[in-house]
Protein backbone atom coordinates (compact mmCIF):
# COMPACT_ATOMS: atom_id res chain seq x y z
CA MET A 1 19.87 -27.77 72.39
CA ALA A 2 19.01 -26.93 68.81
CA ARG A 3 20.25 -28.39 65.92
CA ALA A 4 21.02 -26.43 62.65
CA ALA A 5 20.62 -28.29 59.39
CA PRO A 6 23.52 -31.16 58.73
CA GLY A 7 22.23 -31.03 55.38
CA ARG A 8 23.39 -27.10 54.77
CA LEU A 9 25.31 -28.02 52.21
CA GLY A 10 28.45 -26.55 52.88
CA ALA A 11 27.35 -23.76 55.45
CA ARG A 12 28.95 -23.45 58.56
CA ARG A 13 26.97 -23.94 61.45
CA ILE A 14 25.46 -21.01 63.45
CA PRO A 15 27.12 -20.90 67.10
CA ALA A 16 24.45 -21.12 69.73
CA THR A 17 22.51 -17.95 70.76
CA LEU A 18 20.70 -16.85 73.83
CA ALA A 19 17.51 -17.20 71.92
CA ASP A 20 18.50 -20.63 71.22
CA TYR A 21 17.55 -20.97 75.12
CA ALA A 22 15.03 -19.24 74.61
CA ALA A 23 12.14 -21.47 76.24
CA PRO A 24 14.27 -23.22 79.17
CA ILE A 25 15.17 -19.59 80.13
CA ALA A 26 11.65 -18.66 79.96
CA LEU A 27 10.76 -21.90 81.97
CA VAL A 28 12.91 -20.77 84.98
CA ILE A 29 11.51 -17.46 85.09
CA VAL A 30 7.67 -18.13 84.90
CA TRP A 31 8.54 -21.04 87.37
CA LEU A 32 9.99 -18.51 89.88
CA GLY A 33 7.45 -15.57 89.29
CA PHE A 34 4.59 -18.29 90.30
CA PHE A 35 6.51 -19.21 93.19
CA ILE A 36 6.99 -15.67 94.40
CA ALA A 37 3.34 -14.85 93.80
CA THR A 38 1.82 -18.34 95.29
CA PRO A 39 3.39 -20.91 97.66
CA ASN A 40 0.81 -23.55 95.75
CA PHE A 41 3.03 -23.39 92.55
CA LEU A 42 6.00 -25.32 93.44
CA THR A 43 4.76 -28.05 95.64
CA ALA A 44 4.99 -31.76 94.50
CA ASN A 45 1.68 -32.04 93.78
CA ASN A 46 0.79 -29.47 91.67
CA ILE A 47 4.32 -30.20 90.02
CA ASP A 48 3.26 -33.72 89.03
CA ASP A 49 0.06 -32.60 87.64
CA LEU A 50 1.57 -29.82 85.28
CA LEU A 51 3.68 -32.63 84.13
CA VAL A 52 1.37 -34.98 83.20
CA ALA A 53 -0.83 -32.18 81.74
CA SER A 54 2.12 -30.74 79.65
CA THR A 55 2.54 -34.77 77.90
CA ILE A 56 -0.30 -33.84 75.50
CA LEU A 57 0.89 -30.60 74.32
CA THR A 58 4.39 -32.04 74.09
CA VAL A 59 3.55 -35.02 72.03
CA LEU A 60 1.67 -32.75 69.86
CA ALA A 61 4.64 -30.01 69.56
CA LEU A 62 7.12 -32.92 68.57
CA GLY A 63 4.65 -33.94 65.54
CA GLN A 64 4.87 -29.97 64.58
CA GLN A 65 8.36 -30.34 64.99
CA PHE A 66 8.42 -32.13 61.93
CA ALA A 67 6.59 -29.70 60.02
CA VAL A 68 8.41 -27.07 60.74
CA VAL A 69 11.81 -28.60 60.64
CA VAL A 70 10.90 -29.12 56.64
CA GLY A 71 10.20 -25.65 56.68
CA GLY A 72 6.00 -25.86 56.46
CA ILE A 73 3.58 -25.31 59.44
CA ASP A 74 0.37 -27.97 60.36
CA LEU A 75 -2.65 -26.04 61.13
CA SER A 76 -4.54 -29.22 60.91
CA VAL A 77 -3.54 -30.51 64.34
CA GLY A 78 -5.97 -28.22 65.75
CA ALA A 79 -8.55 -30.54 64.38
CA THR A 80 -6.86 -34.23 63.80
CA LEU A 81 -6.38 -33.97 67.71
CA PRO A 82 -10.51 -34.12 68.35
CA TRP A 83 -10.73 -35.92 64.93
CA SER A 84 -8.08 -38.76 66.68
CA ALA A 85 -10.35 -38.69 69.97
CA ALA A 86 -13.31 -38.98 68.12
CA LEU A 87 -12.23 -42.09 66.58
CA LEU A 88 -11.58 -44.21 69.98
CA GLY A 89 -14.75 -42.69 71.28
CA TYR A 90 -16.53 -43.79 68.17
CA CYS A 91 -15.26 -47.12 68.41
CA THR A 92 -15.54 -47.98 72.22
CA SER A 93 -19.07 -46.18 72.27
CA HIS A 94 -20.29 -48.57 69.63
CA GLY A 95 -19.11 -51.79 71.35
CA TYR A 96 -15.59 -52.51 69.85
CA PRO A 97 -12.57 -52.91 72.54
CA VAL A 98 -10.50 -50.11 73.55
CA THR A 99 -7.44 -51.33 71.66
CA VAL A 100 -9.72 -51.20 68.59
CA GLY A 101 -9.97 -47.34 69.49
CA ILE A 102 -6.65 -46.87 70.23
CA VAL A 103 -5.50 -48.74 66.66
CA ALA A 104 -8.20 -46.16 65.08
CA ALA A 105 -7.24 -42.96 66.98
CA ILE A 106 -3.75 -43.48 65.70
CA VAL A 107 -4.15 -44.27 61.91
CA GLY A 108 -7.07 -41.95 61.79
CA GLY A 109 -4.29 -39.26 62.60
CA LEU A 110 -1.39 -41.14 60.26
CA LEU A 111 -3.72 -40.78 57.39
CA VAL A 112 -4.59 -36.91 57.86
CA GLY A 113 -0.98 -36.32 57.87
CA VAL A 114 -0.29 -38.79 54.92
CA VAL A 115 -3.10 -36.82 52.55
CA ASN A 116 -1.19 -33.49 53.64
CA GLY A 117 2.14 -35.43 52.58
CA LEU A 118 0.75 -36.27 49.26
CA LEU A 119 -1.23 -32.89 48.72
CA ILE A 120 1.94 -30.97 49.66
CA GLY A 121 5.27 -32.67 48.72
CA HIS A 122 3.90 -34.60 45.61
CA PHE A 123 1.41 -31.99 44.47
CA GLN A 124 3.36 -29.02 45.25
CA MET A 125 0.26 -27.23 47.13
CA THR A 126 0.78 -24.71 49.90
CA ASP A 127 1.16 -26.44 53.12
CA PHE A 128 -0.77 -23.37 55.00
CA VAL A 129 -3.70 -24.10 52.28
CA VAL A 130 -3.61 -27.56 52.57
CA THR A 131 -3.86 -27.61 56.41
CA LEU A 132 -6.31 -25.13 56.90
CA GLY A 133 -8.19 -27.06 54.31
CA SER A 134 -7.62 -29.89 56.56
CA LEU A 135 -8.82 -28.12 59.45
CA SER A 136 -12.19 -27.19 58.22
CA VAL A 137 -12.81 -30.79 56.74
CA LEU A 138 -11.66 -32.51 59.98
CA SER A 139 -13.69 -30.27 62.09
CA GLY A 140 -16.98 -30.56 60.09
CA CYS A 141 -16.18 -34.74 59.89
CA THR A 142 -15.52 -34.91 63.65
CA LEU A 143 -19.08 -33.07 64.34
CA LEU A 144 -20.74 -35.47 62.30
CA LEU A 145 -18.99 -38.71 63.48
CA THR A 146 -20.02 -37.70 67.03
CA SER A 147 -23.26 -35.57 66.47
CA GLY A 148 -21.61 -32.28 67.97
CA ASN A 149 -21.84 -34.16 71.48
CA SER A 150 -18.81 -35.06 73.66
CA VAL A 151 -18.41 -39.23 73.94
CA ALA A 152 -17.68 -40.55 77.27
CA VAL A 153 -14.84 -43.34 77.26
CA ASN A 154 -15.41 -45.49 80.28
CA SER A 155 -11.75 -47.69 80.30
CA PRO A 156 -9.96 -48.80 83.23
CA PHE A 157 -6.80 -49.49 80.92
CA LEU A 158 -7.49 -45.53 79.65
CA GLN A 159 -7.80 -44.57 83.40
CA SER A 160 -4.47 -46.10 84.28
CA LEU A 161 -2.65 -44.85 82.12
CA ALA A 162 -3.66 -41.50 82.64
CA LEU A 163 -3.48 -41.95 86.62
CA ASP A 164 -1.11 -44.67 87.62
CA GLY A 165 2.86 -44.68 86.58
CA ALA A 166 5.71 -47.55 87.56
CA GLY A 167 6.39 -46.08 91.18
CA PRO A 168 6.96 -42.13 90.83
CA ILE A 169 6.95 -41.94 87.41
CA ARG A 170 3.85 -41.86 85.41
CA TRP A 171 2.61 -43.70 82.52
CA PHE A 172 1.99 -40.13 81.19
CA TRP A 173 5.78 -38.85 81.60
CA LEU A 174 7.10 -41.89 79.82
CA LEU A 175 5.37 -42.16 76.52
CA ALA A 176 6.13 -38.34 76.28
CA LEU A 177 9.97 -39.70 76.86
CA VAL A 178 9.31 -42.12 74.56
CA ALA A 179 7.91 -39.52 71.62
CA ALA A 180 10.71 -37.32 72.82
CA LEU A 181 13.40 -39.38 72.54
CA GLY A 182 12.10 -41.37 69.17
CA VAL A 183 12.08 -37.86 67.68
CA ALA A 184 15.53 -36.64 68.68
CA GLY A 185 17.05 -40.27 67.27
CA ILE A 186 15.24 -39.59 64.05
CA LEU A 187 16.27 -35.98 63.58
CA PHE A 188 20.10 -36.28 64.67
CA ARG A 189 21.08 -39.89 64.53
CA ALA A 190 19.27 -41.20 61.39
CA ARG A 191 19.87 -40.51 57.82
CA VAL A 192 16.49 -39.39 56.95
CA GLY A 193 17.16 -36.51 59.68
CA THR A 194 19.62 -35.50 57.95
CA HIS A 195 17.47 -35.15 54.82
CA LEU A 196 14.44 -33.81 56.60
CA LEU A 197 16.89 -30.89 58.16
CA ALA A 198 18.53 -30.53 54.43
CA THR A 199 15.13 -30.23 53.27
CA GLY A 200 13.92 -27.34 55.53
CA GLY A 201 17.46 -25.80 55.10
CA ASN A 202 17.35 -25.78 51.39
CA ILE A 203 15.02 -27.69 49.50
CA ASP A 204 16.53 -26.70 45.92
CA SER A 205 20.09 -27.79 46.97
CA ALA A 206 18.75 -30.49 48.71
CA ARG A 207 16.71 -31.76 45.59
CA GLU A 208 19.81 -31.26 43.81
CA THR A 209 22.11 -33.48 46.17
CA GLY A 210 19.62 -36.19 45.23
CA ILE A 211 17.45 -35.97 48.59
CA PRO A 212 13.87 -37.37 48.08
CA VAL A 213 12.47 -34.18 49.13
CA ARG A 214 8.68 -35.24 48.01
CA ARG A 215 8.74 -38.11 50.19
CA ILE A 216 10.63 -36.45 52.70
CA ARG A 217 7.82 -33.70 53.12
CA LEU A 218 5.44 -36.59 52.86
CA LEU A 219 7.28 -38.19 55.70
CA ALA A 220 7.54 -35.49 58.15
CA TYR A 221 3.48 -34.40 57.55
CA SER A 222 2.92 -38.36 57.92
CA ALA A 223 4.83 -38.46 61.15
CA CYS A 224 3.20 -35.47 62.85
CA GLY A 225 -0.07 -36.84 61.51
CA LEU A 226 0.89 -40.02 63.90
CA LEU A 227 1.85 -37.85 66.92
CA CYS A 228 -1.59 -36.08 66.76
CA GLY A 229 -2.89 -39.91 67.21
CA VAL A 230 -1.01 -40.51 70.14
CA ALA A 231 -1.80 -37.16 71.79
CA GLY A 232 -5.38 -37.87 70.72
CA VAL A 233 -5.45 -41.29 72.72
CA MET A 234 -3.77 -39.57 75.40
CA LEU A 235 -6.28 -36.53 75.70
CA VAL A 236 -9.19 -39.36 75.91
CA ALA A 237 -7.23 -40.83 79.00
CA ARG A 238 -6.52 -37.47 80.73
CA ASN A 239 -10.33 -36.49 79.95
CA GLY A 240 -12.37 -39.75 80.47
CA GLY A 241 -14.21 -38.75 76.73
CA ALA A 242 -13.42 -37.24 73.83
CA ASP A 243 -14.43 -33.44 72.90
CA PRO A 244 -15.44 -32.79 69.13
CA SER A 245 -14.43 -28.92 69.32
CA LEU A 246 -11.95 -27.48 67.54
CA GLN A 247 -8.49 -27.07 69.86
CA THR A 248 -7.33 -24.00 68.96
CA THR A 249 -5.23 -23.76 71.79
CA TYR A 250 -3.53 -26.95 71.24
CA LEU A 251 -2.47 -25.39 67.71
CA LEU A 252 -1.39 -22.21 68.68
CA SER A 253 0.71 -23.58 71.80
CA SER A 254 2.34 -26.52 69.59
CA ILE A 255 3.70 -24.01 67.05
CA ALA A 256 4.57 -21.97 69.80
CA ALA A 257 6.59 -24.26 71.56
CA VAL A 258 8.42 -25.36 68.73
CA VAL A 259 9.18 -22.15 67.47
CA LEU A 260 10.17 -20.90 71.29
CA GLY A 261 12.15 -23.96 71.58
CA GLY A 262 14.90 -22.93 68.99
CA SER A 263 13.39 -24.46 65.43
CA SER A 264 13.10 -22.25 62.73
CA LEU A 265 9.71 -21.30 61.03
CA SER A 266 11.86 -21.15 58.18
CA GLY A 267 12.92 -24.69 58.35
CA GLY A 268 16.04 -26.59 58.89
CA LYS A 269 17.06 -26.41 62.48
CA ALA A 270 15.24 -28.63 65.41
CA SER A 271 15.49 -28.83 69.28
CA VAL A 272 13.62 -31.37 71.08
CA LEU A 273 14.63 -30.25 74.17
CA GLY A 274 13.80 -26.91 73.45
CA THR A 275 10.19 -28.02 71.99
CA VAL A 276 9.48 -30.17 75.46
CA CYS A 277 10.37 -27.16 77.34
CA GLY A 278 8.21 -24.73 75.37
CA ALA A 279 5.69 -27.66 75.89
CA ILE A 280 5.96 -27.33 79.89
CA LEU A 281 5.89 -23.39 79.69
CA PHE A 282 2.79 -22.99 77.95
CA THR A 283 1.25 -25.87 80.25
CA SER A 284 2.85 -23.66 83.30
CA LEU A 285 1.13 -20.42 82.10
CA ILE A 286 -2.14 -22.05 82.22
CA ASN A 287 -1.42 -23.87 85.61
CA GLY A 288 -0.41 -20.64 87.22
CA PHE A 289 -3.28 -18.67 86.09
CA THR A 290 -5.40 -21.08 87.49
CA ILE A 291 -4.18 -21.18 90.65
CA LEU A 292 -3.87 -17.14 91.05
CA GLY A 293 -7.73 -17.42 90.37
CA ILE A 294 -6.64 -15.42 87.08
CA SER A 295 -9.81 -15.14 84.42
CA GLN A 296 -9.48 -18.04 82.00
CA TYR A 297 -9.92 -14.90 79.22
CA TYR A 298 -6.73 -14.11 79.80
CA GLN A 299 -5.07 -17.37 78.85
CA PRO A 300 -5.80 -17.00 74.73
CA ILE A 301 -4.19 -13.71 75.31
CA ALA A 302 -0.81 -15.21 77.25
CA VAL A 303 -0.61 -17.80 74.62
CA GLY A 304 -0.73 -15.39 71.56
CA ALA A 305 1.47 -12.88 73.42
CA VAL A 306 4.14 -16.13 73.85
CA LEU A 307 3.41 -16.66 70.37
CA LEU A 308 4.49 -13.35 69.18
CA LEU A 309 7.66 -13.50 71.08
CA ALA A 310 8.60 -16.59 69.54
CA ALA A 311 8.27 -15.28 66.34
CA ALA A 312 10.36 -12.20 66.86
CA ILE A 313 12.99 -14.93 68.31
CA SER A 314 12.78 -16.86 65.08
CA ARG A 315 13.27 -13.75 63.71
CA LEU A 316 16.13 -12.46 65.43
CA ARG A 317 17.98 -16.19 64.77
CA LYS A 318 18.06 -15.44 60.82
């Protein structure tokens, strides 16, 4: 359920509306639509594959949630994802253990978030400009690191992470669940979460009440970068290698999943459950199109249309 900022500083909590449940409602409608269109959609194997595929976007969108909740946006996630994956691929291809590559990928994502957070929080630069610049810089660095080529990663551990699990529970599901519970705990159960929501709700009022706004924004973007690093590791495990290409679809989908899930682009409001449902929704669209044999050229059209819908819903919530 979407939560308004506890730090609205005297403002009354806005009652939930249907707009707050847009992602779960849309997910049910999409699943019903694909079920009617083809009996191959709601099968156990397909749903299993769909949910596993959605976990990467889920972790990425949960990271984007931190940036959005403080009233910002992180455009660099589209480049941080392949950058983190490339670091993992670079380490393993140069003889380092896969554990070193995983740490490098996560730390690499974290460092991107720290730099973004410092520029936005401490140097008061515009989040759009900073993260757009980071997107371009990281895209070039990734191409330089990989010489523009995909890097194969042959790791039994990563293969097991992507394919196996504990009984019917896949490891990817557990990773996404841990990430979702962690983000929910930070936002809705920890003092720092109150500060994050208050900063996004009204940055001037938050500053007047003694909240360290600069550090809070640094924390938000650092958390986003950290989760991008985790998503990068999952992407390598899923694909069996690192692709240096800019992940524009992941970028757009991560923003749309957050906003459609119940968060406000102006900040101060978050919904972890809605974000997860939004991520599953976008993965379902691509999965359903593939099963129906619809051209992949229509996929970005669908993502863009839902992104516009999410922006409209966000506007109606104000």
